[in-house]
Protein backbone atom coordinates (compact mmCIF):
# COMPACT_ATOMS: atom_id res chain seq x y z
CA MET A 1 123.21 90.60 63.43
CA THR A 2 120.18 88.92 61.84
CA SER A 3 117.50 87.76 64.27
CA PRO A 4 116.49 84.09 64.14
CA PRO A 5 113.28 83.31 62.27
CA ARG A 6 110.13 83.71 64.34
CA ILE A 7 108.48 80.44 65.39
CA ASP A 8 105.04 79.82 66.85
CA SER A 9 105.88 77.00 69.24
CA HIS A 10 102.32 75.81 69.87
CA GLN A 11 99.42 75.58 67.43
CA HIS A 12 96.81 73.00 66.43
CA PHE A 13 94.94 71.74 63.39
CA TRP A 14 91.95 69.46 63.49
CA ARG A 15 89.32 67.90 61.27
CA LEU A 16 86.11 67.14 63.16
CA ALA A 17 85.11 64.21 60.96
CA ARG A 18 88.10 62.27 62.32
CA GLY A 19 86.07 61.85 65.51
CA ASP A 20 88.74 61.48 68.21
CA TYR A 21 88.61 64.94 69.84
CA GLY A 22 86.62 64.09 72.93
CA TRP A 23 86.99 67.55 74.46
CA LEU A 24 85.99 69.42 71.28
CA THR A 25 82.21 69.66 71.64
CA PRO A 26 79.64 72.01 70.07
CA ALA A 27 79.64 73.93 73.36
CA LEU A 28 82.98 75.42 72.25
CA GLY A 29 81.16 77.21 69.44
CA PRO A 30 83.71 79.21 67.41
CA ILE A 31 86.35 76.47 67.42
CA HIS A 32 83.96 73.59 66.77
CA ARG A 33 84.91 73.46 63.10
CA ASP A 34 87.82 72.33 60.98
CA PHE A 35 91.11 74.24 61.19
CA GLU A 36 93.63 73.60 58.44
CA PRO A 37 96.97 75.09 57.27
CA ALA A 38 95.21 77.46 54.88
CA ASP A 39 93.45 79.07 57.85
CA LEU A 40 96.72 79.80 59.67
CA ALA A 41 99.01 80.70 56.76
CA PRO A 42 97.74 84.31 56.35
CA LEU A 43 98.27 85.02 60.05
CA LEU A 44 101.83 83.73 59.93
CA ALA A 45 102.59 85.83 56.86
CA GLN A 46 101.06 88.93 58.45
CA HIS A 47 103.32 88.62 61.49
CA ASP A 48 106.49 87.37 59.75
CA ILE A 49 106.37 84.01 61.52
CA ALA A 50 108.40 81.50 59.55
CA SER A 51 107.49 78.20 61.20
CA THR A 52 105.30 76.48 63.74
CA ILE A 53 105.31 73.51 66.05
CA LEU A 54 102.08 71.56 65.48
CA VAL A 55 100.78 69.99 68.71
CA GLN A 56 98.40 67.07 69.17
CA ALA A 57 94.80 67.67 70.20
CA ALA A 58 93.53 64.08 70.40
CA PRO A 59 94.84 61.19 72.52
CA THR A 60 95.35 58.83 69.59
CA GLU A 61 98.27 57.75 67.46
CA ALA A 62 95.96 58.05 64.46
CA GLU A 63 95.84 61.81 65.00
CA THR A 64 99.62 61.93 65.32
CA HIS A 65 99.98 60.25 61.93
CA HIS A 66 97.42 62.72 60.54
CA LEU A 67 99.48 65.65 61.85
CA LEU A 68 102.71 64.19 60.49
CA ALA A 69 101.09 63.94 57.07
CA ILE A 70 100.05 67.59 57.32
CA ALA A 71 103.60 68.53 58.33
CA ALA A 72 105.09 66.66 55.37
CA ALA A 73 102.86 68.66 53.01
CA THR A 74 103.13 72.02 54.80
CA PRO A 75 106.54 73.73 54.68
CA PHE A 76 105.82 76.11 57.56
CA VAL A 77 105.22 73.22 59.99
CA ALA A 78 108.68 72.59 61.38
CA GLY A 79 107.75 69.72 63.67
CA VAL A 80 104.98 67.79 65.38
CA VAL A 81 104.44 67.08 69.06
CA GLY A 82 102.33 63.94 68.98
CA TRP A 83 100.72 61.44 71.35
CA THR A 84 101.15 57.83 72.36
CA ASP A 85 99.98 55.70 75.28
CA PHE A 86 102.75 55.98 77.88
CA ASP A 87 100.96 53.32 79.96
CA ALA A 88 101.06 50.71 77.20
CA PRO A 89 103.35 47.72 77.84
CA ASP A 90 104.89 48.30 74.41
CA ALA A 91 105.24 52.07 74.84
CA PRO A 92 108.98 52.09 73.91
CA ALA A 93 108.24 50.27 70.65
CA ARG A 94 105.37 52.64 69.89
CA ILE A 95 107.63 55.63 70.50
CA ALA A 96 110.35 54.15 68.29
CA ALA A 97 107.86 53.62 65.47
CA LEU A 98 106.58 57.20 65.66
CA ALA A 99 110.13 58.55 65.93
CA ALA A 100 110.97 56.97 62.58
CA ASP A 101 109.39 60.10 61.11
CA PRO A 102 111.97 62.89 61.52
CA LEU A 103 109.21 65.51 61.68
CA LEU A 104 108.14 64.15 65.07
CA VAL A 105 109.92 66.37 67.60
CA GLY A 106 108.12 65.48 70.83
CA LEU A 107 105.28 63.68 72.57
CA ARG A 108 102.52 64.94 74.85
CA PRO A 109 100.17 62.87 76.97
CA MET A 110 97.14 64.99 77.88
CA VAL A 111 98.08 65.02 81.56
CA GLN A 112 95.59 67.72 82.54
CA ASP A 113 92.75 65.34 81.60
CA ILE A 114 94.08 62.29 83.47
CA PRO A 115 92.06 61.81 86.69
CA ASP A 116 95.06 60.82 88.82
CA PRO A 117 97.05 64.01 89.61
CA GLY A 118 100.03 61.84 90.50
CA TRP A 119 100.13 60.00 87.18
CA LEU A 120 103.39 61.55 85.98
CA ALA A 121 105.22 60.25 89.06
CA LYS A 122 104.45 56.58 88.32
CA PRO A 123 107.69 54.55 88.13
CA ALA A 124 105.99 52.32 85.53
CA LEU A 125 106.29 55.14 83.00
CA ALA A 126 110.10 55.04 83.12
CA PRO A 127 110.51 52.94 79.93
CA ALA A 128 108.46 55.45 77.94
CA PHE A 129 110.56 58.36 79.13
CA ALA A 130 113.75 56.42 78.43
CA ALA A 131 112.53 55.93 74.86
CA LEU A 132 111.95 59.67 74.52
CA ARG A 133 115.56 60.30 75.49
CA GLU A 134 116.85 57.54 73.20
CA HIS A 135 115.15 59.05 70.16
CA GLY A 136 115.95 62.70 70.88
CA LEU A 137 112.33 63.69 71.55
CA VAL A 138 111.03 66.48 73.77
CA PHE A 139 108.42 65.87 76.47
CA ASP A 140 105.64 68.46 76.41
CA ALA A 141 104.08 68.67 79.88
CA LEU A 142 100.42 69.72 79.66
CA VAL A 143 99.84 70.29 83.37
CA LYS A 144 97.81 72.45 85.70
CA PRO A 145 98.95 73.40 89.23
CA PRO A 146 97.57 70.18 90.85
CA GLN A 147 99.86 68.10 88.62
CA ILE A 148 103.03 70.11 89.31
CA PRO A 149 104.12 67.98 92.33
CA ALA A 150 104.04 64.81 90.22
CA LEU A 151 105.95 66.56 87.43
CA LEU A 152 108.59 67.57 89.97
CA THR A 153 108.89 63.94 91.07
CA LEU A 154 109.38 62.92 87.46
CA LEU A 155 112.04 65.59 87.03
CA GLU A 156 113.98 64.15 89.97
CA ARG A 157 114.44 61.00 87.87
CA GLU A 158 114.56 62.56 84.41
CA THR A 159 117.44 65.00 84.64
CA GLU A 160 118.51 64.80 80.98
CA LEU A 161 115.15 64.72 79.18
CA PRO A 162 114.17 68.09 77.68
CA VAL A 163 110.83 69.05 79.22
CA VAL A 164 108.69 71.91 77.89
CA ILE A 165 105.90 73.07 80.20
CA ASP A 166 102.87 74.02 78.16
CA HIS A 167 100.90 77.22 78.76
CA GLY A 168 102.89 78.29 81.81
CA ALA A 169 101.29 75.39 83.74
CA LYS A 170 97.93 77.16 83.43
CA PRO A 171 97.81 79.71 86.27
CA ASP A 172 94.35 80.56 87.59
CA LEU A 173 94.14 84.04 86.14
CA ALA A 174 90.36 84.07 86.40
CA GLY A 175 90.47 83.37 90.13
CA ALA A 176 93.53 85.57 90.59
CA ASP A 177 95.03 83.32 93.31
CA LEU A 178 98.48 82.59 91.98
CA SER A 179 100.21 81.65 95.24
CA ALA A 180 100.48 77.87 94.74
CA TRP A 181 101.23 78.32 91.05
CA ARG A 182 104.07 80.76 91.78
CA GLY A 183 105.79 78.26 94.06
CA GLY A 184 105.30 75.46 91.58
CA ILE A 185 106.73 77.47 88.69
CA ALA A 186 109.77 78.44 90.75
CA ALA A 187 110.40 74.79 91.62
CA LEU A 188 109.99 73.67 87.99
CA ALA A 189 112.31 76.39 86.74
CA ALA A 190 114.98 75.26 89.22
CA ARG A 191 115.37 72.11 87.10
CA PRO A 192 117.86 72.96 84.33
CA ASN A 193 116.23 70.66 81.76
CA THR A 194 112.90 72.52 81.86
CA THR A 195 111.67 75.28 79.58
CA CYS A 196 108.23 76.85 79.41
CA LYS A 197 105.79 78.09 76.80
CA LEU A 198 104.50 81.63 76.99
CA SER A 199 101.16 80.51 75.63
CA GLY A 200 97.59 79.72 76.60
CA LEU A 201 97.24 82.39 79.26
CA VAL A 202 94.25 84.22 77.78
CA THR A 203 91.98 81.19 78.08
CA GLU A 204 92.88 80.93 81.79
CA ALA A 205 91.75 84.54 82.36
CA ALA A 206 88.21 85.77 82.84
CA PRO A 207 86.37 87.31 79.89
CA GLY A 208 87.38 90.90 79.31
CA TRP A 209 90.99 90.29 80.30
CA ARG A 210 93.53 93.07 79.90
CA GLU A 211 97.29 93.04 79.68
CA ALA A 212 97.37 93.91 83.38
CA THR A 213 95.55 90.61 83.99
CA LEU A 214 98.34 88.67 82.31
CA ALA A 215 101.24 90.76 83.61
CA PRO A 216 101.77 88.99 86.99
CA ALA A 217 101.98 85.57 85.33
CA VAL A 218 104.28 86.79 82.56
CA ALA A 219 106.51 88.51 85.13
CA GLN A 220 106.77 85.30 87.17
CA LEU A 221 107.62 83.22 84.12
CA LEU A 222 110.30 85.70 83.08
CA ALA A 223 111.72 85.90 86.60
CA CYS A 224 111.92 82.12 86.97
CA PHE A 225 112.84 80.89 83.50
CA GLY A 226 114.45 83.98 82.02
CA PRO A 227 114.15 84.86 78.35
CA GLU A 228 116.55 82.06 77.40
CA ARG A 229 114.06 79.38 78.55
CA LEU A 230 110.70 80.77 77.40
CA LEU A 231 109.03 79.96 74.06
CA TRP A 232 106.21 82.02 72.61
CA GLY A 233 103.24 80.09 71.27
CA SER A 234 99.82 81.12 70.03
CA ASP A 235 97.77 78.10 71.16
CA TRP A 236 95.77 78.85 68.02
CA PRO A 237 92.91 78.19 67.49
CA VAL A 238 92.05 77.36 71.12
CA ALA A 239 93.15 80.83 72.23
CA THR A 240 90.65 82.43 69.85
CA LEU A 241 88.01 81.64 72.46
CA ALA A 242 89.50 84.58 74.37
CA ALA A 243 91.67 86.56 71.91
CA SER A 244 92.55 86.76 68.25
CA TYR A 245 95.99 85.70 67.06
CA ASP A 246 96.79 89.41 66.61
CA GLN A 247 95.63 90.36 70.12
CA TRP A 248 97.62 87.64 71.89
CA LEU A 249 100.79 88.31 69.92
CA ALA A 250 100.50 92.07 70.49
CA ALA A 251 99.91 91.57 74.23
CA THR A 252 102.96 89.37 74.64
CA GLU A 253 105.11 91.70 72.56
CA ARG A 254 104.15 94.60 74.82
CA LEU A 255 104.61 92.56 78.00
CA THR A 256 108.16 91.69 76.91
CA ALA A 257 108.99 95.14 75.52
CA THR A 258 111.56 95.92 78.24
CA LEU A 259 113.76 92.99 77.20
CA THR A 260 116.67 93.39 74.81
CA GLU A 261 116.19 92.55 71.16
CA PRO A 262 118.27 89.34 71.44
CA GLU A 263 116.17 88.26 74.44
CA ARG A 264 112.92 88.89 72.57
CA ALA A 265 114.27 87.09 69.51
CA ALA A 266 115.00 84.07 71.70
CA ILE A 267 111.46 83.97 73.13
CA PHE A 268 109.78 84.49 69.76
CA GLY A 269 111.76 81.91 67.83
CA GLY A 270 115.34 81.16 68.80
CA ASN A 271 114.50 79.02 71.82
CA ALA A 272 111.94 76.92 69.95
CA ALA A 273 114.49 76.23 67.21
CA ARG A 274 117.10 75.19 69.77
CA ILE A 275 114.81 72.98 71.84
CA TYR A 276 112.72 71.29 69.16
CA LEU A 277 114.67 71.54 65.92
CA THR A 278 118.34 70.92 66.69
CA LYS A 279 118.18 67.14 66.19
CA ARG A 280 114.82 66.64 64.49
CA GLY A 281 112.19 68.49 62.52
CA ARG A 282 112.54 71.03 59.73
CA ARG A 283 114.83 73.97 60.33
CA PRO A 284 113.14 77.29 59.49
CA SER A 285 114.71 79.39 56.77
CA CYS A 286 115.63 82.99 57.43
């Protein structure tokens, strides 16, 4: 049986001159430059990765339109997870307008940067989430452990909305205290409409990380979500602050080596296709 095409479920492009990346300062050195499709294409070809999901990096609709234009011109970009203001009174109309582009597959408020850790639980956001469901969009949850309780409250109301948790909810691998995170991940995984990205872990670890550093978090994600609900993503180029594309991919391949080939194929492509690209986006070719 032929394995599904490999998909990188989480990568970014940016152009500094656009000026709306508040977090992207010169202090971030190696990634404080433009990153375009031509920079990523050789890495995808090297690792036989057919498609990617391009994820927002700025809290503006202007950037979302920029990414959709890139996707339209870049065959390997299968879909875009964009941004809109969920707090806006006209949020449903904004979401409908963005969803008119079939390459938009989801939306992601930058929850980790919102000062109120309970923001996701606000009842006033209900119309925005209803619009996501109406237009067949995925909600990408960019959360850290302090925001997990609010996400759980949201999930009590949103039982049908597909929710993808970015970067394993960012466990504190540098501090090595995973107790609260473990409980939060187990509770999130108990919701059947949640899936989780196996991505972004290296930048949560201390410099000089090894596979043994990542292993407890990967084991917890596998135990809670199972291979049928995990999506591999590179978080390129952010992850290059801690590991090359090759190093992160190799580490995750080794940390999932005990799984069956169908299980690994699901994590490294099949799940992303099912979750993001069944109703929208560009289906990858074999």
